[in-house]
Amino acid sequence: KEFFTDAWRSLQEAKNFVYLSALLFLCGIVFGLVF
């Protein structure tokens, strides 16, 4: 339980970078569709 709780806290700490990766992925999709 502590392991998963600690992992979740760490994910929350890095969440803006996860959002950034999703944004890069979405930009790639648009780029792939256009070109």
All heavy atoms as atom14 arrays in JSON, in Angstrom:
{
  "sequence": "KEFFTDAWRSLQEAKNFVYLSALLFLCGIVFGLVF",
  "atom14_mask": [
    [1, 1, 1, 1, 1, 1, 1, 1, 1, 0, 0, 0, 0, 0],
    [1, 1, 1, 1, 1, 1, 1, 1, 1, 0, 0, 0, 0, 0],
    [1, 1, 1, 1, 1, 1, 1, 1, 1, 1, 1, 0, 0, 0],
    [1, 1, 1, 1, 1, 1, 1, 1, 1, 1, 1, 0, 0, 0],
    [1, 1, 1, 1, 1, 1, 1, 0, 0, 0, 0, 0, 0, 0],
    [1, 1, 1, 1, 1, 1, 1, 1, 0, 0, 0, 0, 0, 0],
    [1, 1, 1, 1, 1, 0, 0, 0, 0, 0, 0, 0, 0, 0],
    [1, 1, 1, 1, 1, 1, 1, 1, 1, 1, 1, 1, 1, 1],
    [1, 1, 1, 1, 1, 1, 1, 1, 1, 1, 1, 0, 0, 0],
    [1, 1, 1, 1, 1, 1, 0, 0, 0, 0, 0, 0, 0, 0],
    [1, 1, 1, 1, 1, 1, 1, 1, 0, 0, 0, 0, 0, 0],
    [1, 1, 1, 1, 1, 1, 1, 1, 1, 0, 0, 0, 0, 0],
    [1, 1, 1, 1, 1, 1, 1, 1, 1, 0, 0, 0, 0, 0],
    [1, 1, 1, 1, 1, 0, 0, 0, 0, 0, 0, 0, 0, 0],
    [1, 1, 1, 1, 1, 1, 1, 1, 1, 0, 0, 0, 0, 0],
    [1, 1, 1, 1, 1, 1, 1, 1, 0, 0, 0, 0, 0, 0],
    [1, 1, 1, 1, 1, 1, 1, 1, 1, 1, 1, 0, 0, 0],
    [1, 1, 1, 1, 1, 1, 1, 0, 0, 0, 0, 0, 0, 0],
    [1, 1, 1, 1, 1, 1, 1, 1, 1, 1, 1, 1, 0, 0],
    [1, 1, 1, 1, 1, 1, 1, 1, 0, 0, 0, 0, 0, 0],
    [1, 1, 1, 1, 1, 1, 0, 0, 0, 0, 0, 0, 0, 0],
    [1, 1, 1, 1, 1, 0, 0, 0, 0, 0, 0, 0, 0, 0],
    [1, 1, 1, 1, 1, 1, 1, 1, 0, 0, 0, 0, 0, 0],
    [1, 1, 1, 1, 1, 1, 1, 1, 0, 0, 0, 0, 0, 0],
    [1, 1, 1, 1, 1, 1, 1, 1, 1, 1, 1, 0, 0, 0],
    [1, 1, 1, 1, 1, 1, 1, 1, 0, 0, 0, 0, 0, 0],
    [1, 1, 1, 1, 1, 1, 0, 0, 0, 0, 0, 0, 0, 0],
    [1, 1, 1, 1, 0, 0, 0, 0, 0, 0, 0, 0, 0, 0],
    [1, 1, 1, 1, 1, 1, 1, 1, 0, 0, 0, 0, 0, 0],
    [1, 1, 1, 1, 1, 1, 1, 0, 0, 0, 0, 0, 0, 0],
    [1, 1, 1, 1, 1, 1, 1, 1, 1, 1, 1, 0, 0, 0],
    [1, 1, 1, 1, 0, 0, 0, 0, 0, 0, 0, 0, 0, 0],
    [1, 1, 1, 1, 1, 1, 1, 1, 0, 0, 0, 0, 0, 0],
    [1, 1, 1, 1, 1, 1, 1, 0, 0, 0, 0, 0, 0, 0],
    [1, 1, 1, 1, 1, 1, 1, 1, 1, 1, 1, 0, 0, 0]
  ],
  "atom14_positions": [
    [[0.84, -1.21, 0.0], [0.0, 0.0, 0.0], [0.88, 1.26, 0.0], [0.62, 2.2, -0.75], [-0.93, 0.0, 1.2], [-1.86, 1.19, 1.24], [-2.77, 1.16, 2.43], [-3.63, 2.41, 2.43], [-4.48, 2.48, 3.62], [0.0, 0.0, 0.0], [0.0, 0.0, 0.0], [0.0, 0.0, 0.0], [0.0, 0.0, 0.0], [0.0, 0.0, 0.0]],
    [[1.91, 1.26, 0.81], [2.83, 2.4, 0.86], [3.56, 2.58, -0.47], [3.8, 3.7, -0.91], [3.84, 2.23, 2.0], [3.25, 2.37, 3.37], [4.24, 1.98, 4.46], [5.3, 1.37, 4.16], [3.95, 2.29, 5.63], [0.0, 0.0, 0.0], [0.0, 0.0, 0.0], [0.0, 0.0, 0.0], [0.0, 0.0, 0.0], [0.0, 0.0, 0.0]],
    [[3.92, 1.46, -1.08], [4.62, 1.5, -2.37], [3.75, 2.21, -3.42], [4.21, 3.1, -4.12], [4.96, 0.07, -2.81], [5.64, 0.0, -4.14], [6.99, 0.29, -4.26], [4.94, -0.38, -5.28], [7.63, 0.22, -5.49], [5.57, -0.47, -6.51], [6.92, -0.17, -6.61], [0.0, 0.0, 0.0], [0.0, 0.0, 0.0], [0.0, 0.0, 0.0]],
    [[2.48, 1.79, -3.52], [1.58, 2.39, -4.5], [1.24, 3.83, -4.15], [1.15, 4.69, -5.04], [0.31, 1.55, -4.66], [0.52, 0.33, -5.49], [0.7, -0.91, -4.89], [0.57, 0.41, -6.87], [0.91, -2.04, -5.66], [0.79, -0.72, -7.65], [0.95, -1.96, -7.04], [0.0, 0.0, 0.0], [0.0, 0.0, 0.0], [0.0, 0.0, 0.0]],
    [[1.09, 4.14, -2.87], [0.82, 5.51, -2.44], [2.01, 6.41, -2.78], [1.83, 7.53, -3.28], [0.54, 5.56, -0.92], [-0.59, 4.72, -0.64], [0.24, 6.98, -0.46], [0.0, 0.0, 0.0], [0.0, 0.0, 0.0], [0.0, 0.0, 0.0], [0.0, 0.0, 0.0], [0.0, 0.0, 0.0], [0.0, 0.0, 0.0], [0.0, 0.0, 0.0]],
    [[3.2, 5.93, -2.52], [4.41, 6.68, -2.83], [4.56, 6.89, -4.35], [4.94, 7.97, -4.81], [5.63, 5.96, -2.26], [6.85, 6.86, -2.16], [6.68, 8.07, -1.93], [7.97, 6.34, -2.32], [0.0, 0.0, 0.0], [0.0, 0.0, 0.0], [0.0, 0.0, 0.0], [0.0, 0.0, 0.0], [0.0, 0.0, 0.0], [0.0, 0.0, 0.0]],
    [[4.23, 5.85, -5.12], [4.3, 5.96, -6.59], [3.3, 7.01, -7.07], [3.62, 7.82, -7.95], [4.01, 4.61, -7.24], [0.0, 0.0, 0.0], [0.0, 0.0, 0.0], [0.0, 0.0, 0.0], [0.0, 0.0, 0.0], [0.0, 0.0, 0.0], [0.0, 0.0, 0.0], [0.0, 0.0, 0.0], [0.0, 0.0, 0.0], [0.0, 0.0, 0.0]],
    [[2.1, 7.0, -6.5], [1.08, 7.99, -6.91], [1.55, 9.4, -6.59], [1.39, 10.32, -7.38], [-0.26, 7.67, -6.23], [-1.33, 8.6, -6.66], [-1.87, 9.62, -5.93], [-1.97, 8.65, -7.93], [-2.8, 10.29, -6.68], [-2.89, 9.71, -7.9], [-1.85, 7.89, -9.09], [-3.69, 10.04, -8.99], [-2.64, 8.22, -10.18], [-3.55, 9.27, -10.12]],
    [[2.16, 9.6, -5.41], [2.68, 10.93, -5.04], [3.78, 11.37, -6.02], [3.84, 12.53, -6.41], [3.25, 10.91, -3.62], [2.22, 11.2, -2.58], [2.89, 11.49, -1.22], [2.19, 10.7, -0.23], [2.68, 9.65, 0.41], [3.92, 9.26, 0.22], [1.96, 8.99, 1.29], [0.0, 0.0, 0.0], [0.0, 0.0, 0.0], [0.0, 0.0, 0.0]],
    [[4.63, 10.44, -6.4], [5.69, 10.76, -7.35], [5.12, 11.12, -8.71], [5.6, 12.04, -9.37], [6.65, 9.56, -7.5], [7.29, 9.31, -6.27], [0.0, 0.0, 0.0], [0.0, 0.0, 0.0], [0.0, 0.0, 0.0], [0.0, 0.0, 0.0], [0.0, 0.0, 0.0], [0.0, 0.0, 0.0], [0.0, 0.0, 0.0], [0.0, 0.0, 0.0]],
    [[4.08, 10.42, -9.12], [3.42, 10.75, -10.39], [2.82, 12.15, -10.32], [2.92, 12.92, -11.29], [2.35, 9.72, -10.72], [1.58, 9.94, -12.02], [2.51, 9.97, -13.23], [0.52, 8.85, -12.19], [0.0, 0.0, 0.0], [0.0, 0.0, 0.0], [0.0, 0.0, 0.0], [0.0, 0.0, 0.0], [0.0, 0.0, 0.0], [0.0, 0.0, 0.0]],
    [[2.24, 12.5, -9.2], [1.67, 13.84, -9.03], [2.77, 14.91, -9.11], [2.56, 15.99, -9.65], [0.92, 13.95, -7.7], [-0.31, 13.09, -7.61], [-1.29, 13.38, -8.72], [-1.7, 14.52, -8.92], [-1.66, 12.35, -9.47], [0.0, 0.0, 0.0], [0.0, 0.0, 0.0], [0.0, 0.0, 0.0], [0.0, 0.0, 0.0], [0.0, 0.0, 0.0]],
    [[3.93, 14.57, -8.59], [5.07, 15.49, -8.64], [5.53, 15.74, -10.08], [5.96, 16.85, -10.42], [6.22, 14.89, -7.81], [7.38, 15.82, -7.58], [8.44, 15.17, -6.7], [8.11, 14.3, -5.86], [9.62, 15.53, -6.88], [0.0, 0.0, 0.0], [0.0, 0.0, 0.0], [0.0, 0.0, 0.0], [0.0, 0.0, 0.0], [0.0, 0.0, 0.0]],
    [[5.41, 14.73, -10.91], [5.88, 14.83, -12.3], [4.75, 15.1, -13.29], [4.98, 15.09, -14.5], [6.6, 13.54, -12.68], [0.0, 0.0, 0.0], [0.0, 0.0, 0.0], [0.0, 0.0, 0.0], [0.0, 0.0, 0.0], [0.0, 0.0, 0.0], [0.0, 0.0, 0.0], [0.0, 0.0, 0.0], [0.0, 0.0, 0.0], [0.0, 0.0, 0.0]],
    [[3.54, 15.36, -12.81], [2.37, 15.42, -13.7], [2.48, 16.45, -14.81], [2.01, 16.2, -15.92], [1.09, 15.64, -12.9], [0.95, 17.0, -12.3], [-0.34, 17.13, -11.51], [-0.37, 18.5, -10.87], [-1.5, 18.64, -9.97], [0.0, 0.0, 0.0], [0.0, 0.0, 0.0], [0.0, 0.0, 0.0], [0.0, 0.0, 0.0], [0.0, 0.0, 0.0]],
    [[3.11, 17.59, -14.56], [3.23, 18.59, -15.63], [4.08, 18.08, -16.8], [3.85, 18.44, -17.95], [3.8, 19.9, -15.09], [2.8, 20.62, -14.2], [1.59, 20.41, -14.31], [3.3, 21.44, -13.3], [0.0, 0.0, 0.0], [0.0, 0.0, 0.0], [0.0, 0.0, 0.0], [0.0, 0.0, 0.0], [0.0, 0.0, 0.0], [0.0, 0.0, 0.0]],
    [[5.02, 17.21, -16.5], [5.85, 16.63, -17.56], [5.08, 15.55, -18.33], [5.3, 15.36, -19.52], [7.15, 16.08, -16.97], [8.05, 17.17, -16.45], [7.95, 17.6, -15.14], [8.96, 17.78, -17.29], [8.76, 18.62, -14.67], [9.78, 18.81, -16.83], [9.67, 19.23, -15.52], [0.0, 0.0, 0.0], [0.0, 0.0, 0.0], [0.0, 0.0, 0.0]],
    [[4.18, 14.87, -17.63], [3.3, 13.91, -18.3], [2.37, 14.68, -19.25], [2.15, 14.26, -20.39], [2.5, 13.07, -17.29], [1.49, 12.16, -17.99], [3.45, 12.25, -16.41], [0.0, 0.0, 0.0], [0.0, 0.0, 0.0], [0.0, 0.0, 0.0], [0.0, 0.0, 0.0], [0.0, 0.0, 0.0], [0.0, 0.0, 0.0], [0.0, 0.0, 0.0]],
    [[1.84, 15.81, -18.78], [1.0, 16.65, -19.64], [1.79, 17.15, -20.84], [1.27, 17.2, -21.96], [0.44, 17.84, -18.87], [-0.5, 17.49, -17.74], [-0.57, 18.29, -16.61], [-1.32, 16.37, -17.77], [-1.42, 18.0, -15.56], [-2.17, 16.05, -16.73], [-2.21, 16.88, -15.62], [-3.07, 16.58, -14.58], [0.0, 0.0, 0.0], [0.0, 0.0, 0.0]],
    [[3.04, 17.52, -20.61], [3.9, 17.97, -21.7], [4.09, 16.86, -22.72], [4.01, 17.09, -23.94], [5.26, 18.43, -21.17], [6.32, 18.79, -22.21], [5.85, 19.95, -23.08], [7.65, 19.11, -21.53], [0.0, 0.0, 0.0], [0.0, 0.0, 0.0], [0.0, 0.0, 0.0], [0.0, 0.0, 0.0], [0.0, 0.0, 0.0], [0.0, 0.0, 0.0]],
    [[4.3, 15.63, -22.27], [4.48, 14.52, -23.21], [3.2, 14.29, -24.01], [3.26, 14.0, -25.21], [4.9, 13.24, -22.47], [3.83, 12.67, -21.76], [0.0, 0.0, 0.0], [0.0, 0.0, 0.0], [0.0, 0.0, 0.0], [0.0, 0.0, 0.0], [0.0, 0.0, 0.0], [0.0, 0.0, 0.0], [0.0, 0.0, 0.0], [0.0, 0.0, 0.0]],
    [[2.04, 14.43, -23.38], [0.77, 14.27, -24.1], [0.61, 15.38, -25.13], [0.14, 15.14, -26.25], [-0.39, 14.28, -23.11], [0.0, 0.0, 0.0], [0.0, 0.0, 0.0], [0.0, 0.0, 0.0], [0.0, 0.0, 0.0], [0.0, 0.0, 0.0], [0.0, 0.0, 0.0], [0.0, 0.0, 0.0], [0.0, 0.0, 0.0], [0.0, 0.0, 0.0]],
    [[1.03, 16.59, -24.78], [0.97, 17.71, -25.72], [1.9, 17.47, -26.91], [1.53, 17.71, -28.06], [1.33, 19.02, -25.02], [1.32, 20.27, -25.89], [-0.08, 20.54, -26.42], [1.83, 21.46, -25.09], [0.0, 0.0, 0.0], [0.0, 0.0, 0.0], [0.0, 0.0, 0.0], [0.0, 0.0, 0.0], [0.0, 0.0, 0.0], [0.0, 0.0, 0.0]],
    [[3.1, 16.97, -26.65], [4.04, 16.66, -27.74], [3.45, 15.58, -28.65], [3.57, 15.65, -29.87], [5.39, 16.19, -27.18], [6.22, 17.24, -26.45], [7.43, 16.6, -25.77], [6.64, 18.34, -27.4], [0.0, 0.0, 0.0], [0.0, 0.0, 0.0], [0.0, 0.0, 0.0], [0.0, 0.0, 0.0], [0.0, 0.0, 0.0], [0.0, 0.0, 0.0]],
    [[2.8, 14.58, -28.05], [2.16, 13.52, -28.81], [1.05, 14.1, -29.7], [0.96, 13.78, -30.89], [1.6, 12.46, -27.85], [0.9, 11.32, -28.53], [1.61, 10.36, -29.24], [-0.48, 11.18, -28.45], [0.97, 9.3, -29.86], [-1.13, 10.13, -29.06], [-0.41, 9.18, -29.77], [0.0, 0.0, 0.0], [0.0, 0.0, 0.0], [0.0, 0.0, 0.0]],
    [[0.21, 14.97, -29.13], [-0.87, 15.6, -29.9], [-0.32, 16.46, -31.03], [-0.86, 16.45, -32.15], [-1.76, 16.43, -28.99], [-2.65, 15.63, -28.03], [-3.37, 16.56, -27.06], [-3.64, 14.78, -28.79], [0.0, 0.0, 0.0], [0.0, 0.0, 0.0], [0.0, 0.0, 0.0], [0.0, 0.0, 0.0], [0.0, 0.0, 0.0], [0.0, 0.0, 0.0]],
    [[0.75, 17.2, -30.76], [1.38, 18.0, -31.82], [1.9, 17.09, -32.93], [1.78, 17.41, -34.12], [2.52, 18.84, -31.24], [1.98, 20.2, -30.21], [0.0, 0.0, 0.0], [0.0, 0.0, 0.0], [0.0, 0.0, 0.0], [0.0, 0.0, 0.0], [0.0, 0.0, 0.0], [0.0, 0.0, 0.0], [0.0, 0.0, 0.0], [0.0, 0.0, 0.0]],
    [[2.46, 15.96, -32.54], [2.92, 14.98, -33.53], [1.78, 14.46, -34.38], [1.92, 14.3, -35.6], [0.0, 0.0, 0.0], [0.0, 0.0, 0.0], [0.0, 0.0, 0.0], [0.0, 0.0, 0.0], [0.0, 0.0, 0.0], [0.0, 0.0, 0.0], [0.0, 0.0, 0.0], [0.0, 0.0, 0.0], [0.0, 0.0, 0.0], [0.0, 0.0, 0.0]],
    [[0.62, 14.21, -33.76], [-0.55, 13.73, -34.51], [-0.94, 14.75, -35.56], [-1.15, 14.41, -36.74], [-1.74, 13.45, -33.57], [-1.46, 12.22, -32.71], [-3.03, 13.23, -34.38], [-2.5, 11.97, -31.63], [0.0, 0.0, 0.0], [0.0, 0.0, 0.0], [0.0, 0.0, 0.0], [0.0, 0.0, 0.0], [0.0, 0.0, 0.0], [0.0, 0.0, 0.0]],
    [[-1.03, 16.01, -35.16], [-1.4, 17.08, -36.11], [-0.37, 17.14, -37.23], [-0.73, 17.22, -38.41], [-1.53, 18.44, -35.38], [-1.67, 19.58, -36.36], [-2.69, 18.4, -34.4], [0.0, 0.0, 0.0], [0.0, 0.0, 0.0], [0.0, 0.0, 0.0], [0.0, 0.0, 0.0], [0.0, 0.0, 0.0], [0.0, 0.0, 0.0], [0.0, 0.0, 0.0]],
    [[0.89, 17.09, -36.86], [1.96, 17.15, -37.86], [1.85, 15.97, -38.84], [2.0, 16.13, -40.05], [3.32, 17.14, -37.13], [4.43, 17.74, -37.92], [4.5, 19.1, -38.14], [5.43, 16.93, -38.43], [5.55, 19.65, -38.86], [6.48, 17.46, -39.16], [6.53, 18.83, -39.37], [0.0, 0.0, 0.0], [0.0, 0.0, 0.0], [0.0, 0.0, 0.0]],
    [[1.58, 14.77, -38.3], [1.43, 13.58, -39.14], [0.23, 13.67, -40.06], [0.28, 13.21, -41.2], [0.0, 0.0, 0.0], [0.0, 0.0, 0.0], [0.0, 0.0, 0.0], [0.0, 0.0, 0.0], [0.0, 0.0, 0.0], [0.0, 0.0, 0.0], [0.0, 0.0, 0.0], [0.0, 0.0, 0.0], [0.0, 0.0, 0.0], [0.0, 0.0, 0.0]],
    [[-0.86, 14.26, -39.58], [-2.06, 14.43, -40.41], [-1.83, 15.45, -41.53], [-2.27, 15.25, -42.65], [-3.25, 14.87, -39.55], [-3.89, 13.79, -38.69], [-4.85, 14.42, -37.68], [-4.6, 12.77, -39.54], [0.0, 0.0, 0.0], [0.0, 0.0, 0.0], [0.0, 0.0, 0.0], [0.0, 0.0, 0.0], [0.0, 0.0, 0.0], [0.0, 0.0, 0.0]],
    [[-1.13, 16.53, -41.2], [-0.91, 17.6, -42.16], [0.15, 17.23, -43.19], [0.01, 17.52, -44.38], [-0.52, 18.91, -41.44], [-0.12, 19.99, -42.42], [-1.68, 19.4, -40.56], [0.0, 0.0, 0.0], [0.0, 0.0, 0.0], [0.0, 0.0, 0.0], [0.0, 0.0, 0.0], [0.0, 0.0, 0.0], [0.0, 0.0, 0.0], [0.0, 0.0, 0.0]],
    [[1.2, 16.57, -42.76], [2.32, 16.25, -43.65], [2.47, 14.75, -43.87], [3.58, 14.2, -43.84], [3.62, 16.82, -43.08], [3.61, 18.31, -42.91], [3.46, 18.88, -41.65], [3.72, 19.14, -44.01], [3.43, 20.26, -41.5], [3.68, 20.52, -43.86], [3.54, 21.08, -42.6], [0.0, 0.0, 0.0], [0.0, 0.0, 0.0], [0.0, 0.0, 0.0]]
  ]
}
